[in-house]
Amino acid sequence: MKIIIIGTAYPYRGGLAAFNERLAAQFQKEGHEVEMYTFTLQYPNFLFPGKTQFTDGPAPAGLRITRRINSCNPFNWGAVGREIRRKRPDVVVFAYWMSFMAPCFGRIARIVKRNRHTKCIGLVHNMIPHEPNVLDKLFPGYFVKAMDGFTTLSESVAHDIAKFDHKGKPKSWAPHPIYDHYGALVDKAEARRQLGLHVDGRYVLFFGFIRDYKGLDLLIDAFGDPRLQDCGARLLVAGEFYGDPAPYLERIRSLDINDIVVLHNDYIPDNRVNLYFCASDIVAQPYKSATQSGVTQVAFHFEKPMLVTNVGGLPEIVPDGKIGYVVEPNAQSIADALLQFYKEKKEEPFTAGVRQEKKKYGWDRMTAAVMKAYSEI
């Protein structure tokens, strides 16, 4: 089949770009002809709280990536729609993650479908954002109405789509596949040496962009528990602040835990991601709200136990007591679980569980879910 994927891709950075590029590679592996359309302007800088939207790494090998879409220019949407319409792809996959993209994606889809051949599938990461605003009431319906079907990464997102979809369009879902492109496993001691950490220490990893809904404040409060301090646990925070860092830094200072919190608050390039995961004992995702998370799938790849909170789709993919812990989103529950992890020496049995569980999360399941939605249109 001839497939076009519309969404974030190189030279843009981050998990969504990585997801789309890996999805394209899997479709190609399965024999499809694939092209990616990404942005000349993804969104204005005032909507991007990080330092830069762009990667300084090399382009992914073997992928056709066309930079054509200006998310703020309706005249551009028409031109892009007509260009894709003339190519007559069998499927256009719109990788949707925020309401700001709804007018752009919705307009392009409506124009493309005038060729009476192409079907448009919304691959929806989040239908209702973690930090909603007025756009989330005005725009999503326009995108949903333009799609012929949907694929999601969790059942909870499929339910969210149904709030805007009154026609019962085809929906399929598959769990977020494993991010397997961040390099090989590294010996724990060597990873720690390269990061300047204590080789014999105990490290809990918080990884990724720091936003309020991800609950780093809860994890910091958990490390204020004297029991965790007494067992020698340290918190390793690896990721860029998407907002004011002052409240987090003040929390650390007021709890007097500066000496056990290690902050690496720059964007972590792809070629160093493996060091952070391999250096840690367990990966913590103390989210206050969630749909699914790419961090869990990086942890699966590096065979790391996980602690997640009982929100959104996270408990669907982290079996409690088998590969880690599912806890309530509060500091006490987080501290209790981490203390149990170290006192009962759970790292080895949980790691064995991760090795078994990760077999469920191949990229072929994601492409199959997209094709299932297509076949039901």
Protein backbone atom coordinates (compact mmCIF):
# COMPACT_ATOMS: atom_id res chain seq x y z
CA MET A 1 0.00 0.00 0.00
CA LYS A 2 0.96 3.62 -0.43
CA ILE A 3 1.02 5.29 3.00
CA ILE A 4 1.70 8.87 4.04
CA ILE A 5 2.29 9.74 7.69
CA ILE A 6 1.62 13.35 8.71
CA GLY A 7 3.13 14.59 11.96
CA THR A 8 6.31 15.41 13.80
CA ALA A 9 9.52 14.01 12.30
CA TYR A 10 13.15 14.97 11.73
CA PRO A 11 14.52 17.64 12.15
CA TYR A 12 12.12 17.96 15.09
CA ARG A 13 13.12 16.17 18.26
CA GLY A 14 11.36 14.23 20.99
CA GLY A 15 9.28 11.14 21.55
CA LEU A 16 6.57 11.91 18.98
CA ALA A 17 9.11 12.31 16.19
CA ALA A 18 10.79 9.09 17.27
CA PHE A 19 7.42 7.30 17.30
CA ASN A 20 6.45 8.43 13.81
CA GLU A 21 9.83 7.58 12.33
CA ARG A 22 9.83 4.13 13.91
CA LEU A 23 6.28 3.52 12.68
CA ALA A 24 7.30 4.51 9.15
CA ALA A 25 10.26 2.13 9.29
CA GLN A 26 7.97 -0.73 10.36
CA PHE A 27 5.51 -0.08 7.53
CA GLN A 28 8.44 -0.11 5.10
CA LYS A 29 9.71 -3.36 6.58
CA GLU A 30 6.29 -4.85 5.86
CA GLY A 31 6.57 -3.89 2.19
CA HIS A 32 4.57 -0.66 2.03
CA GLU A 33 5.61 2.52 0.23
CA VAL A 34 5.89 5.21 2.89
CA GLU A 35 6.44 8.95 2.90
CA MET A 36 6.37 11.31 5.87
CA TYR A 37 5.12 14.90 5.80
CA THR A 38 6.33 17.11 8.63
CA PHE A 39 6.45 20.80 9.43
CA THR A 40 8.28 23.85 8.23
CA LEU A 41 6.63 25.50 11.25
CA GLN A 42 5.38 23.09 13.89
CA TYR A 43 4.06 25.69 16.29
CA PRO A 44 5.07 29.17 17.43
CA ASN A 45 7.81 29.38 20.02
CA PHE A 46 5.42 30.73 22.64
CA LEU A 47 3.66 27.35 22.61
CA PHE A 48 6.96 25.53 23.08
CA PRO A 49 8.39 25.93 26.58
CA GLY A 50 11.64 24.07 25.92
CA LYS A 51 14.94 25.43 24.65
CA THR A 52 14.62 24.27 21.04
CA GLN A 53 12.26 22.22 18.91
CA PHE A 54 15.06 20.79 16.78
CA THR A 55 17.53 17.97 17.11
CA ASP A 56 21.19 18.33 16.21
CA GLY A 57 21.47 14.62 15.43
CA PRO A 58 21.54 12.98 11.99
CA ALA A 59 18.45 12.29 9.89
CA PRO A 60 17.02 8.77 10.27
CA ALA A 61 18.34 6.50 7.56
CA GLY A 62 16.07 5.12 4.87
CA LEU A 63 13.04 7.39 5.40
CA ARG A 64 11.49 9.90 3.00
CA ILE A 65 10.66 12.99 5.05
CA THR A 66 9.15 16.03 3.33
CA ARG A 67 9.02 19.31 5.23
CA ARG A 68 5.97 21.09 3.89
CA ILE A 69 3.37 21.92 6.58
CA ASN A 70 2.98 25.32 8.25
CA SER A 71 0.62 24.70 11.16
CA CYS A 72 -0.39 28.41 11.31
CA ASN A 73 -1.07 29.11 7.62
CA PRO A 74 -4.46 28.01 6.21
CA PHE A 75 -3.30 28.72 2.63
CA ASN A 76 -0.50 26.23 3.18
CA TRP A 77 -2.97 23.59 4.39
CA GLY A 78 -4.82 23.83 1.10
CA ALA A 79 -1.63 23.50 -0.92
CA VAL A 80 -0.46 20.49 1.09
CA GLY A 81 -3.86 18.86 0.84
CA ARG A 82 -3.92 19.23 -2.94
CA GLU A 83 -0.37 17.91 -3.26
CA ILE A 84 -1.17 14.78 -1.26
CA ARG A 85 -4.52 14.36 -3.03
CA ARG A 86 -2.70 14.15 -6.37
CA LYS A 87 -0.40 11.43 -5.03
CA ARG A 88 -3.45 9.25 -4.28
CA PRO A 89 -2.08 7.39 -1.24
CA ASP A 90 -4.22 4.52 0.03
CA VAL A 91 -3.89 5.74 3.62
CA VAL A 92 -2.89 8.99 5.28
CA VAL A 93 -2.08 8.55 8.97
CA PHE A 94 -2.43 11.75 10.99
CA ALA A 95 -0.31 11.49 14.15
CA TYR A 96 -2.40 13.69 16.44
CA TRP A 97 -1.38 14.79 19.91
CA MET A 98 -2.80 18.26 20.64
CA SER A 99 -5.81 20.42 19.81
CA PHE A 100 -3.68 23.12 18.20
CA MET A 101 -3.13 20.74 15.26
CA ALA A 102 -6.83 20.01 14.72
CA PRO A 103 -7.58 22.82 12.21
CA CYS A 104 -4.46 22.09 10.18
CA PHE A 105 -4.88 18.31 10.10
CA GLY A 106 -8.65 18.51 9.65
CA ARG A 107 -8.37 20.85 6.66
CA ILE A 108 -5.66 18.79 4.94
CA ALA A 109 -7.69 15.60 5.40
CA ARG A 110 -10.85 17.09 3.92
CA ILE A 111 -8.98 18.20 0.79
CA VAL A 112 -7.11 14.91 0.39
CA LYS A 113 -10.30 12.85 0.53
CA ARG A 114 -11.75 14.64 -2.48
CA ASN A 115 -9.86 12.16 -4.65
CA ARG A 116 -12.41 9.55 -3.47
CA HIS A 117 -9.63 7.04 -2.92
CA THR A 118 -7.57 7.97 0.14
CA LYS A 119 -8.70 7.02 3.63
CA CYS A 120 -7.60 9.11 6.61
CA ILE A 121 -6.75 7.46 9.93
CA GLY A 122 -6.20 9.48 13.09
CA LEU A 123 -3.44 7.92 15.16
CA VAL A 124 -4.31 9.67 18.39
CA HIS A 125 -1.83 9.90 21.25
CA ASN A 126 -3.99 12.25 23.33
CA MET A 127 -7.52 13.37 22.50
CA ILE A 128 -7.95 15.40 25.68
CA PRO A 129 -4.62 16.88 26.82
CA HIS A 130 -3.15 16.49 30.29
CA GLU A 131 -3.19 20.28 30.70
CA PRO A 132 -6.40 21.38 28.90
CA ASN A 133 -7.20 24.87 27.67
CA VAL A 134 -9.99 26.57 25.72
CA LEU A 135 -8.78 25.11 22.40
CA ASP A 136 -9.62 21.64 23.67
CA LYS A 137 -13.31 22.47 23.60
CA LEU A 138 -13.30 24.24 20.23
CA PHE A 139 -10.99 22.26 17.92
CA PRO A 140 -10.97 18.45 18.45
CA GLY A 141 -14.39 17.88 16.89
CA TYR A 142 -13.18 19.39 13.61
CA PHE A 143 -10.34 16.89 13.43
CA VAL A 144 -12.48 13.92 14.46
CA LYS A 145 -15.11 14.63 11.81
CA ALA A 146 -12.43 14.67 9.09
CA MET A 147 -11.12 11.19 9.92
CA ASP A 148 -12.46 7.92 8.53
CA GLY A 149 -11.18 5.87 11.47
CA PHE A 150 -8.88 5.94 14.46
CA THR A 151 -6.06 4.06 16.11
CA THR A 152 -5.01 4.77 19.69
CA LEU A 153 -2.36 3.60 22.12
CA SER A 154 -4.76 2.89 24.98
CA GLU A 155 -8.41 2.12 25.50
CA SER A 156 -8.86 5.29 27.54
CA VAL A 157 -7.99 7.46 24.51
CA ALA A 158 -10.46 5.51 22.37
CA HIS A 159 -13.15 6.39 24.93
CA ASP A 160 -12.10 10.06 24.75
CA ILE A 161 -12.49 10.07 20.95
CA ALA A 162 -16.01 8.70 21.31
CA LYS A 163 -17.00 11.94 23.08
CA PHE A 164 -16.45 13.78 19.78
CA ASP A 165 -17.36 10.99 17.35
CA HIS A 166 -21.12 10.64 17.06
CA LYS A 167 -21.01 8.31 14.04
CA GLY A 168 -19.18 5.42 15.66
CA LYS A 169 -16.28 5.39 13.21
CA PRO A 170 -13.90 2.39 13.32
CA LYS A 171 -11.49 2.43 16.24
CA SER A 172 -8.62 0.10 17.04
CA TRP A 173 -5.89 0.25 19.61
CA ALA A 174 -2.54 -1.29 20.38
CA PRO A 175 -0.26 -0.58 23.32
CA HIS A 176 2.62 1.81 22.77
CA PRO A 177 5.40 -0.26 21.15
CA ILE A 178 8.88 -0.47 22.60
CA TYR A 179 11.29 2.32 21.72
CA ASP A 180 14.16 0.14 20.55
CA HIS A 181 16.31 2.71 18.76
CA TYR A 182 18.12 4.27 21.72
CA GLY A 183 21.12 1.96 21.60
CA ALA A 184 22.26 -1.14 23.40
CA LEU A 185 22.18 -2.03 27.06
CA VAL A 186 25.24 -0.84 28.96
CA ASP A 187 26.71 -2.32 32.13
CA LYS A 188 25.22 -0.46 35.11
CA ALA A 189 28.58 0.44 36.65
CA GLU A 190 29.91 1.73 33.33
CA ALA A 191 26.77 3.82 32.71
CA ARG A 192 27.14 5.37 36.15
CA ARG A 193 30.80 6.15 35.59
CA GLN A 194 29.97 7.94 32.34
CA LEU A 195 27.28 10.00 34.10
CA GLY A 196 29.47 10.82 37.09
CA LEU A 197 27.29 8.88 39.56
CA HIS A 198 28.25 6.71 42.52
CA VAL A 199 28.96 3.27 41.08
CA ASP A 200 27.58 1.47 44.15
CA GLY A 201 24.65 3.79 44.78
CA ARG A 202 20.89 3.23 44.53
CA TYR A 203 19.21 5.33 41.84
CA VAL A 204 15.56 5.92 40.97
CA LEU A 205 15.17 7.51 37.53
CA PHE A 206 12.67 10.19 36.52
CA PHE A 207 13.09 10.68 32.78
CA GLY A 208 11.62 13.09 30.24
CA PHE A 209 10.29 16.61 29.89
CA ILE A 210 9.22 17.98 33.28
CA ARG A 211 5.62 19.17 33.27
CA ASP A 212 3.18 19.50 36.16
CA TYR A 213 1.03 16.49 35.26
CA LYS A 214 4.07 14.18 35.40
CA GLY A 215 4.19 14.49 39.19
CA LEU A 216 7.87 15.10 39.83
CA ASP A 217 6.78 17.08 42.88
CA LEU A 218 5.21 13.92 44.32
CA LEU A 219 8.41 11.98 43.74
CA ILE A 220 10.49 14.71 45.38
CA ASP A 221 8.16 14.65 48.38
CA ALA A 222 8.55 10.86 48.55
CA PHE A 223 12.31 11.30 48.82
CA GLY A 224 11.68 13.52 51.83
CA ASP A 225 10.71 10.30 53.65
CA PRO A 226 13.56 9.52 56.10
CA ARG A 227 13.16 5.79 55.42
CA LEU A 228 14.19 6.24 51.78
CA GLN A 229 17.10 8.41 52.79
CA ASP A 230 18.23 5.81 55.35
CA CYS A 231 18.24 3.04 52.73
CA GLY A 232 20.61 5.05 50.53
CA ALA A 233 18.25 5.79 47.64
CA ARG A 234 18.95 8.73 45.33
CA LEU A 235 16.71 10.42 42.76
CA LEU A 236 18.13 10.95 39.27
CA VAL A 237 16.11 13.50 37.27
CA ALA A 238 16.99 13.53 33.56
CA GLY A 239 15.04 15.93 31.39
CA GLU A 240 14.31 19.52 30.50
CA PHE A 241 11.94 21.73 32.51
CA TYR A 242 8.81 22.67 30.56
CA GLY A 243 7.91 25.47 32.91
CA ASP A 244 9.32 27.26 35.92
CA PRO A 245 11.88 25.08 37.74
CA ALA A 246 11.72 27.23 40.89
CA PRO A 247 8.94 25.28 42.70
CA TYR A 248 10.82 22.01 42.27
CA LEU A 249 14.13 23.47 43.39
CA GLU A 250 12.50 25.09 46.41
CA ARG A 251 10.86 21.78 47.31
CA ILE A 252 14.23 20.03 47.22
CA ARG A 253 15.80 22.78 49.34
CA SER A 254 13.00 22.85 51.91
CA LEU A 255 13.17 19.06 52.36
CA ASP A 256 16.97 19.32 52.70
CA ILE A 257 17.57 16.58 50.11
CA ASN A 258 19.96 18.38 47.74
CA ASP A 259 22.57 15.73 48.39
CA ILE A 260 20.36 12.84 47.20
CA VAL A 261 18.69 14.50 44.19
CA VAL A 262 20.78 14.58 41.01
CA LEU A 263 19.46 17.02 38.39
CA HIS A 264 20.49 16.65 34.74
CA ASN A 265 18.10 19.20 33.30
CA ASP A 266 19.17 19.53 29.70
CA TYR A 267 17.51 17.75 26.83
CA ILE A 268 18.90 14.21 26.75
CA PRO A 269 20.14 13.37 23.23
CA ASP A 270 19.26 10.00 21.77
CA ASN A 271 22.80 8.67 22.02
CA ARG A 272 22.85 9.14 25.81
CA VAL A 273 19.38 7.88 26.71
CA ASN A 274 20.71 4.38 27.28
CA LEU A 275 23.14 5.62 29.94
CA TYR A 276 20.37 7.01 32.14
CA PHE A 277 18.18 3.94 31.97
CA CYS A 278 21.05 1.50 32.39
CA ALA A 279 22.41 3.48 35.36
CA SER A 280 19.12 3.24 37.27
CA ASP A 281 17.59 0.50 39.41
CA ILE A 282 13.96 1.42 38.74
CA VAL A 283 12.14 4.00 36.58
CA ALA A 284 9.47 6.09 38.33
CA GLN A 285 6.51 7.72 36.55
CA PRO A 286 4.52 9.42 39.31
CA TYR A 287 2.02 10.96 36.89
CA LYS A 288 -1.07 12.78 38.13
CA SER A 289 -2.84 12.10 34.81
CA ALA A 290 -1.88 10.05 31.78
CA THR A 291 -3.02 8.25 28.68
CA GLN A 292 0.10 6.23 27.98
CA SER A 293 3.79 7.03 28.14
CA GLY A 294 6.73 6.47 25.85
CA VAL A 295 8.99 6.35 28.92
CA THR A 296 7.55 2.96 29.89
CA GLN A 297 8.50 1.61 26.47
CA VAL A 298 12.06 2.87 26.76
CA ALA A 299 12.20 1.17 30.17
CA PHE A 300 10.96 -2.07 28.59
CA HIS A 301 13.72 -1.90 26.00
CA PHE A 302 16.38 -1.45 28.67
CA GLU A 303 14.71 -4.08 30.87
CA LYS A 304 14.12 -1.84 33.85
CA PRO A 305 11.51 -2.29 36.62
CA MET A 306 8.97 0.50 36.82
CA LEU A 307 6.87 2.36 39.33
CA VAL A 308 3.77 4.01 37.83
CA THR A 309 0.72 5.66 39.31
CA ASN A 310 -2.79 4.32 38.92
CA VAL A 311 -3.89 6.82 36.26
CA GLY A 312 -4.91 6.55 32.60
CA GLY A 313 -3.43 3.68 30.61
CA LEU A 314 -0.31 3.18 32.75
CA PRO A 315 -1.67 0.25 34.83
CA GLU A 316 -2.61 -1.53 31.57
CA ILE A 317 1.05 -2.08 30.71
CA VAL A 318 2.79 -2.36 34.10
CA PRO A 319 1.48 -5.47 35.88
CA ASP A 320 1.64 -4.70 39.59
CA GLY A 321 3.99 -6.99 41.46
CA LYS A 322 5.36 -8.59 38.29
CA ILE A 323 7.53 -5.93 36.69
CA GLY A 324 7.12 -3.14 39.22
CA TYR A 325 4.48 -1.27 41.17
CA VAL A 326 1.20 0.49 40.46
CA VAL A 327 0.56 2.98 43.27
CA GLU A 328 -1.79 5.83 44.05
CA PRO A 329 -0.52 9.29 43.00
CA ASN A 330 0.67 10.49 46.39
CA ALA A 331 4.08 10.74 48.04
CA GLN A 332 3.34 8.19 50.78
CA SER A 333 2.38 5.42 48.36
CA ILE A 334 5.40 6.15 46.17
CA ALA A 335 7.79 6.09 49.12
CA ASP A 336 6.30 2.85 50.49
CA ALA A 337 6.73 1.07 47.15
CA LEU A 338 10.30 2.26 46.61
CA LEU A 339 11.24 1.22 50.13
CA GLN A 340 9.75 -2.24 49.52
CA PHE A 341 11.66 -2.48 46.22
CA TYR A 342 15.00 -2.02 47.96
CA LYS A 343 14.28 -3.83 51.23
CA GLU A 344 12.89 -6.93 49.52
CA LYS A 345 15.53 -6.88 46.75
CA LYS A 346 12.97 -6.85 43.95
CA GLU A 347 15.24 -5.64 41.14
CA GLU A 348 16.22 -9.08 39.88
CA PRO A 349 12.74 -10.73 39.84
CA PHE A 350 11.13 -7.60 38.37
CA THR A 351 13.79 -7.45 35.64
CA ALA A 352 13.02 -11.06 34.73
CA GLY A 353 9.35 -10.10 34.51
CA VAL A 354 10.14 -7.16 32.23
CA ARG A 355 12.07 -9.44 29.85
CA GLN A 356 9.00 -11.65 29.55
CA GLU A 357 6.43 -8.85 29.35
CA LYS A 358 8.28 -6.82 26.69
CA LYS A 359 7.54 -9.50 24.09
CA LYS A 360 4.00 -8.08 23.83
CA TYR A 361 5.07 -4.70 22.47
CA GLY A 362 6.30 -5.14 18.92
CA TRP A 363 5.83 -2.47 16.26
CA ASP A 364 4.00 -4.99 14.09
CA ARG A 365 1.09 -4.77 16.54
CA MET A 366 0.90 -1.01 15.97
CA THR A 367 0.87 -1.31 12.17
CA ALA A 368 -1.70 -4.11 12.44
CA ALA A 369 -3.96 -1.82 14.50
CA VAL A 370 -3.77 0.91 11.83
CA MET A 371 -4.59 -1.65 9.13
CA LYS A 372 -7.49 -2.99 11.20
CA ALA A 373 -9.06 0.48 11.39
CA TYR A 374 -8.51 0.88 7.64
CA SER A 375 -10.13 -2.46 6.82
CA GLU A 376 -13.25 -1.55 8.81
CA ILE A 377 -13.90 1.77 7.04
